[in-house]
């Protein structure tokens, strides 16, 4: 027999999803309006920029973003054509490919960051006090730790770019 669902947890989940959707749509719109990379592209490039050696196996990149394995392959193909990253095979296993951030990808992130930061400040950070932000970070880190403890240690309050 399953436990009855907690109404406050359901409400919190829906509010979390709504907040995420609203802010990411605003970030994407602002980036595109400013002639920068899309939010989806930013997500892939920032994930690579934070990885050791700025490289990840394609499957790791898919896991770390919102893309499926086939979706990340298509996205990486487009980003490779744009020069933001390159693919490299694994010498010991022909089935494994890595996505590696290029200098052009790093530059695209640097150019996008001020726009991204402005939207986050305006539509996210201003909605809460510093104490509320710390509490939200604590709560979300708890969720992440319970789902995948290996990721929680990577999350800091340091700026991403």
C-alpha atoms as a PDB file:
ATOM      1  CA  UNK A   1       0.000   0.000   0.000  1.00  0.00           C
ATOM      2  CA  UNK A   2       1.439   3.363  -0.953  1.00  0.00           C
ATOM      3  CA  UNK A   3       1.545   6.316   1.373  1.00  0.00           C
ATOM      4  CA  UNK A   4      -1.019   9.069   0.727  1.00  0.00           C
ATOM      5  CA  UNK A   5       0.454  12.022  -1.126  1.00  0.00           C
ATOM      6  CA  UNK A   6       1.268  15.070   0.917  1.00  0.00           C
ATOM      7  CA  UNK A   7      -0.667  18.055  -0.459  1.00  0.00           C
ATOM      8  CA  UNK A   8       1.979  20.597   0.580  1.00  0.00           C
ATOM      9  CA  UNK A   9       4.660  18.592  -1.258  1.00  0.00           C
ATOM     10  CA  UNK A  10       2.489  18.499  -4.398  1.00  0.00           C
ATOM     11  CA  UNK A  11       1.968  22.256  -4.196  1.00  0.00           C
ATOM     12  CA  UNK A  12       5.695  22.851  -3.640  1.00  0.00           C
ATOM     13  CA  UNK A  13       6.493  20.693  -6.682  1.00  0.00           C
ATOM     14  CA  UNK A  14       4.065  22.586  -8.933  1.00  0.00           C
ATOM     15  CA  UNK A  15       5.352  25.960  -7.736  1.00  0.00           C
ATOM     16  CA  UNK A  16       8.946  24.819  -8.305  1.00  0.00           C
ATOM     17  CA  UNK A  17       8.081  23.749 -11.879  1.00  0.00           C
ATOM     18  CA  UNK A  18       6.259  27.013 -12.568  1.00  0.00           C
ATOM     19  CA  UNK A  19       9.137  29.129 -11.231  1.00  0.00           C
ATOM     20  CA  UNK A  20      11.662  27.149 -13.257  1.00  0.00           C
ATOM     21  CA  UNK A  21       9.615  27.443 -16.451  1.00  0.00           C
ATOM     22  CA  UNK A  22       8.997  31.168 -16.021  1.00  0.00           C
ATOM     23  CA  UNK A  23      12.621  32.060 -15.342  1.00  0.00           C
ATOM     24  CA  UNK A  24      14.132  29.808 -18.024  1.00  0.00           C
ATOM     25  CA  UNK A  25      11.716  31.158 -20.643  1.00  0.00           C
ATOM     26  CA  UNK A  26      12.732  34.695 -19.702  1.00  0.00           C
ATOM     27  CA  UNK A  27      16.413  33.793 -19.839  1.00  0.00           C
ATOM     28  CA  UNK A  28      15.980  32.185 -23.269  1.00  0.00           C
ATOM     29  CA  UNK A  29      14.011  35.145 -24.637  1.00  0.00           C
ATOM     30  CA  UNK A  30      16.550  37.666 -23.331  1.00  0.00           C
ATOM     31  CA  UNK A  31      19.508  35.691 -24.696  1.00  0.00           C
ATOM     32  CA  UNK A  32      17.944  35.405 -28.139  1.00  0.00           C
ATOM     33  CA  UNK A  33      16.838  39.064 -28.165  1.00  0.00           C
ATOM     34  CA  UNK A  34      20.428  40.074 -27.373  1.00  0.00           C
ATOM     35  CA  UNK A  35      21.720  37.918 -30.230  1.00  0.00           C
ATOM     36  CA  UNK A  36      23.356  35.402 -27.913  1.00  0.00           C
ATOM     37  CA  UNK A  37      23.115  31.614 -27.695  1.00  0.00           C
ATOM     38  CA  UNK A  38      19.856  29.952 -26.657  1.00  0.00           C
ATOM     39  CA  UNK A  39      19.183  28.727 -23.129  1.00  0.00           C
ATOM     40  CA  UNK A  40      19.476  25.105 -24.316  1.00  0.00           C
ATOM     41  CA  UNK A  41      22.867  25.835 -25.865  1.00  0.00           C
ATOM     42  CA  UNK A  42      23.954  27.671 -22.718  1.00  0.00           C
ATOM     43  CA  UNK A  43      22.934  24.630 -20.661  1.00  0.00           C
ATOM     44  CA  UNK A  44      25.126  22.300 -22.721  1.00  0.00           C
ATOM     45  CA  UNK A  45      28.097  24.672 -22.833  1.00  0.00           C
ATOM     46  CA  UNK A  46      28.011  25.569 -19.124  1.00  0.00           C
ATOM     47  CA  UNK A  47      27.800  21.874 -18.262  1.00  0.00           C
ATOM     48  CA  UNK A  48      30.938  21.224 -20.312  1.00  0.00           C
ATOM     49  CA  UNK A  49      32.701  24.275 -18.876  1.00  0.00           C
ATOM     50  CA  UNK A  50      32.222  22.885 -15.359  1.00  0.00           C
ATOM     51  CA  UNK A  51      33.407  19.371 -16.239  1.00  0.00           C
ATOM     52  CA  UNK A  52      37.014  18.271 -15.639  1.00  0.00           C
ATOM     53  CA  UNK A  53      38.996  19.143 -18.754  1.00  0.00           C
ATOM     54  CA  UNK A  54      35.848  20.758 -20.216  1.00  0.00           C
ATOM     55  CA  UNK A  55      34.845  17.362 -21.600  1.00  0.00           C
ATOM     56  CA  UNK A  56      32.199  14.738 -20.947  1.00  0.00           C
ATOM     57  CA  UNK A  57      31.120  11.465 -22.489  1.00  0.00           C
ATOM     58  CA  UNK A  58      28.018  12.006 -24.577  1.00  0.00           C
ATOM     59  CA  UNK A  59      25.970   9.900 -22.141  1.00  0.00           C
ATOM     60  CA  UNK A  60      27.240  11.965 -19.185  1.00  0.00           C
ATOM     61  CA  UNK A  61      26.318  15.174 -21.001  1.00  0.00           C
ATOM     62  CA  UNK A  62      22.811  13.855 -21.672  1.00  0.00           C
ATOM     63  CA  UNK A  63      22.448  12.891 -17.996  1.00  0.00           C
ATOM     64  CA  UNK A  64      23.597  16.337 -16.837  1.00  0.00           C
ATOM     65  CA  UNK A  65      21.215  18.246 -19.135  1.00  0.00           C
ATOM     66  CA  UNK A  66      17.577  17.884 -20.131  1.00  0.00           C
ATOM     67  CA  UNK A  67      18.408  16.031 -23.328  1.00  0.00           C
ATOM     68  CA  UNK A  68      17.930  12.358 -24.120  1.00  0.00           C
ATOM     69  CA  UNK A  69      20.896  10.435 -25.566  1.00  0.00           C
ATOM     70  CA  UNK A  70      19.574  10.918 -29.112  1.00  0.00           C
ATOM     71  CA  UNK A  71      18.649  14.542 -28.391  1.00  0.00           C
ATOM     72  CA  UNK A  72      22.126  15.337 -27.097  1.00  0.00           C
ATOM     73  CA  UNK A  73      23.667  13.756 -30.199  1.00  0.00           C
ATOM     74  CA  UNK A  74      21.631  16.061 -32.441  1.00  0.00           C
ATOM     75  CA  UNK A  75      22.371  19.118 -30.269  1.00  0.00           C
ATOM     76  CA  UNK A  76      26.097  18.319 -30.111  1.00  0.00           C
ATOM     77  CA  UNK A  77      26.135  17.900 -33.899  1.00  0.00           C
ATOM     78  CA  UNK A  78      24.683  21.411 -34.320  1.00  0.00           C
ATOM     79  CA  UNK A  79      27.002  22.922 -31.730  1.00  0.00           C
ATOM     80  CA  UNK A  80      29.981  21.244 -33.365  1.00  0.00           C
ATOM     81  CA  UNK A  81      29.023  22.801 -36.728  1.00  0.00           C
ATOM     82  CA  UNK A  82      28.806  26.188 -34.987  1.00  0.00           C
ATOM     83  CA  UNK A  83      32.285  25.631 -33.520  1.00  0.00           C
ATOM     84  CA  UNK A  84      31.223  25.697 -29.862  1.00  0.00           C
ATOM     85  CA  UNK A  85      32.438  22.194 -29.165  1.00  0.00           C
ATOM     86  CA  UNK A  86      34.064  19.241 -30.831  1.00  0.00           C
ATOM     87  CA  UNK A  87      33.539  15.519 -30.626  1.00  0.00           C
ATOM     88  CA  UNK A  88      36.368  13.131 -30.005  1.00  0.00           C
ATOM     89  CA  UNK A  89      36.313   9.346 -30.020  1.00  0.00           C
ATOM     90  CA  UNK A  90      37.741   7.121 -27.355  1.00  0.00           C
ATOM     91  CA  UNK A  91      40.810   5.203 -28.532  1.00  0.00           C
ATOM     92  CA  UNK A  92      40.052   2.166 -26.379  1.00  0.00           C
ATOM     93  CA  UNK A  93      36.281   1.983 -27.116  1.00  0.00           C
ATOM     94  CA  UNK A  94      34.924   2.953 -30.517  1.00  0.00           C
ATOM     95  CA  UNK A  95      31.410   3.283 -29.108  1.00  0.00           C
ATOM     96  CA  UNK A  96      32.361   6.140 -26.772  1.00  0.00           C
ATOM     97  CA  UNK A  97      32.503   9.780 -27.848  1.00  0.00           C
ATOM     98  CA  UNK A  98      33.336  12.872 -25.838  1.00  0.00           C
ATOM     99  CA  UNK A  99      31.989  16.393 -26.260  1.00  0.00           C
ATOM    100  CA  UNK A 100      34.727  18.947 -25.624  1.00  0.00           C
ATOM    101  CA  UNK A 101      34.198  22.684 -25.163  1.00  0.00           C
ATOM    102  CA  UNK A 102      36.143  24.858 -27.618  1.00  0.00           C
ATOM    103  CA  UNK A 103      37.465  28.393 -27.200  1.00  0.00           C
ATOM    104  CA  UNK A 104      34.512  29.594 -29.318  1.00  0.00           C
ATOM    105  CA  UNK A 105      32.175  27.843 -26.860  1.00  0.00           C
ATOM    106  CA  UNK A 106      33.896  29.511 -23.911  1.00  0.00           C
ATOM    107  CA  UNK A 107      33.566  32.869 -25.647  1.00  0.00           C
ATOM    108  CA  UNK A 108      29.852  32.260 -26.346  1.00  0.00           C
ATOM    109  CA  UNK A 109      29.364  31.593 -22.624  1.00  0.00           C
ATOM    110  CA  UNK A 110      31.279  34.756 -21.681  1.00  0.00           C
ATOM    111  CA  UNK A 111      29.140  36.822 -24.057  1.00  0.00           C
ATOM    112  CA  UNK A 112      25.879  35.247 -22.829  1.00  0.00           C
ATOM    113  CA  UNK A 113      26.633  35.511 -19.115  1.00  0.00           C
ATOM    114  CA  UNK A 114      25.826  39.230 -18.595  1.00  0.00           C
ATOM    115  CA  UNK A 115      22.398  38.765 -20.198  1.00  0.00           C
ATOM    116  CA  UNK A 116      21.765  35.559 -18.240  1.00  0.00           C
ATOM    117  CA  UNK A 117      22.918  37.188 -15.004  1.00  0.00           C
ATOM    118  CA  UNK A 118      20.678  40.223 -15.522  1.00  0.00           C
ATOM    119  CA  UNK A 119      17.568  38.074 -15.997  1.00  0.00           C
ATOM    120  CA  UNK A 120      18.394  35.936 -12.962  1.00  0.00           C
ATOM    121  CA  UNK A 121      18.912  39.069 -10.877  1.00  0.00           C
ATOM    122  CA  UNK A 122      15.709  40.730 -12.077  1.00  0.00           C
ATOM    123  CA  UNK A 123      13.365  37.736 -12.092  1.00  0.00           C
ATOM    124  CA  UNK A 124      14.814  35.407  -9.470  1.00  0.00           C
ATOM    125  CA  UNK A 125      17.225  37.010  -7.015  1.00  0.00           C
ATOM    126  CA  UNK A 126      15.106  40.108  -6.341  1.00  0.00           C
ATOM    127  CA  UNK A 127      12.200  37.866  -5.338  1.00  0.00           C
ATOM    128  CA  UNK A 128      13.944  36.839  -2.105  1.00  0.00           C
ATOM    129  CA  UNK A 129      16.205  38.073   0.647  1.00  0.00           C
ATOM    130  CA  UNK A 130      19.730  36.727   1.122  1.00  0.00           C
ATOM    131  CA  UNK A 131      18.470  34.583   4.017  1.00  0.00           C
ATOM    132  CA  UNK A 132      15.650  33.194   1.861  1.00  0.00           C
ATOM    133  CA  UNK A 133      18.142  32.441  -0.914  1.00  0.00           C
ATOM    134  CA  UNK A 134      20.337  30.521   1.539  1.00  0.00           C
ATOM    135  CA  UNK A 135      17.285  28.592   2.772  1.00  0.00           C
ATOM    136  CA  UNK A 136      16.185  27.792  -0.788  1.00  0.00           C
ATOM    137  CA  UNK A 137      19.727  26.627  -1.579  1.00  0.00           C
ATOM    138  CA  UNK A 138      19.725  24.429   1.510  1.00  0.00           C
ATOM    139  CA  UNK A 139      16.365  22.887   0.606  1.00  0.00           C
ATOM    140  CA  UNK A 140      17.258  22.282  -3.047  1.00  0.00           C
ATOM    141  CA  UNK A 141      20.669  20.879  -2.118  1.00  0.00           C
ATOM    142  CA  UNK A 142      18.879  18.471   0.214  1.00  0.00           C
ATOM    143  CA  UNK A 143      16.672  17.316  -2.657  1.00  0.00           C
ATOM    144  CA  UNK A 144      19.670  16.914  -4.969  1.00  0.00           C
ATOM    145  CA  UNK A 145      21.662  15.049  -2.316  1.00  0.00           C
ATOM    146  CA  UNK A 146      18.826  12.603  -1.709  1.00  0.00           C
ATOM    147  CA  UNK A 147      18.505  11.967  -5.448  1.00  0.00           C
ATOM    148  CA  UNK A 148      22.182  12.000  -6.405  1.00  0.00           C
ATOM    149  CA  UNK A 149      24.612  12.735  -3.606  1.00  0.00           C
ATOM    150  CA  UNK A 150      27.525  12.975  -6.021  1.00  0.00           C
ATOM    151  CA  UNK A 151      26.146  16.211  -7.499  1.00  0.00           C
ATOM    152  CA  UNK A 152      25.539  18.123  -4.290  1.00  0.00           C
ATOM    153  CA  UNK A 153      29.211  18.606  -3.522  1.00  0.00           C
ATOM    154  CA  UNK A 154      29.716  20.333  -6.878  1.00  0.00           C
ATOM    155  CA  UNK A 155      27.191  23.069  -6.124  1.00  0.00           C
ATOM    156  CA  UNK A 156      28.663  26.187  -4.578  1.00  0.00           C
ATOM    157  CA  UNK A 157      27.717  29.804  -4.188  1.00  0.00           C
ATOM    158  CA  UNK A 158      30.548  30.855  -6.497  1.00  0.00           C
ATOM    159  CA  UNK A 159      29.612  32.496  -9.826  1.00  0.00           C
ATOM    160  CA  UNK A 160      29.598  30.223 -12.868  1.00  0.00           C
ATOM    161  CA  UNK A 161      31.499  32.517 -15.252  1.00  0.00           C
END
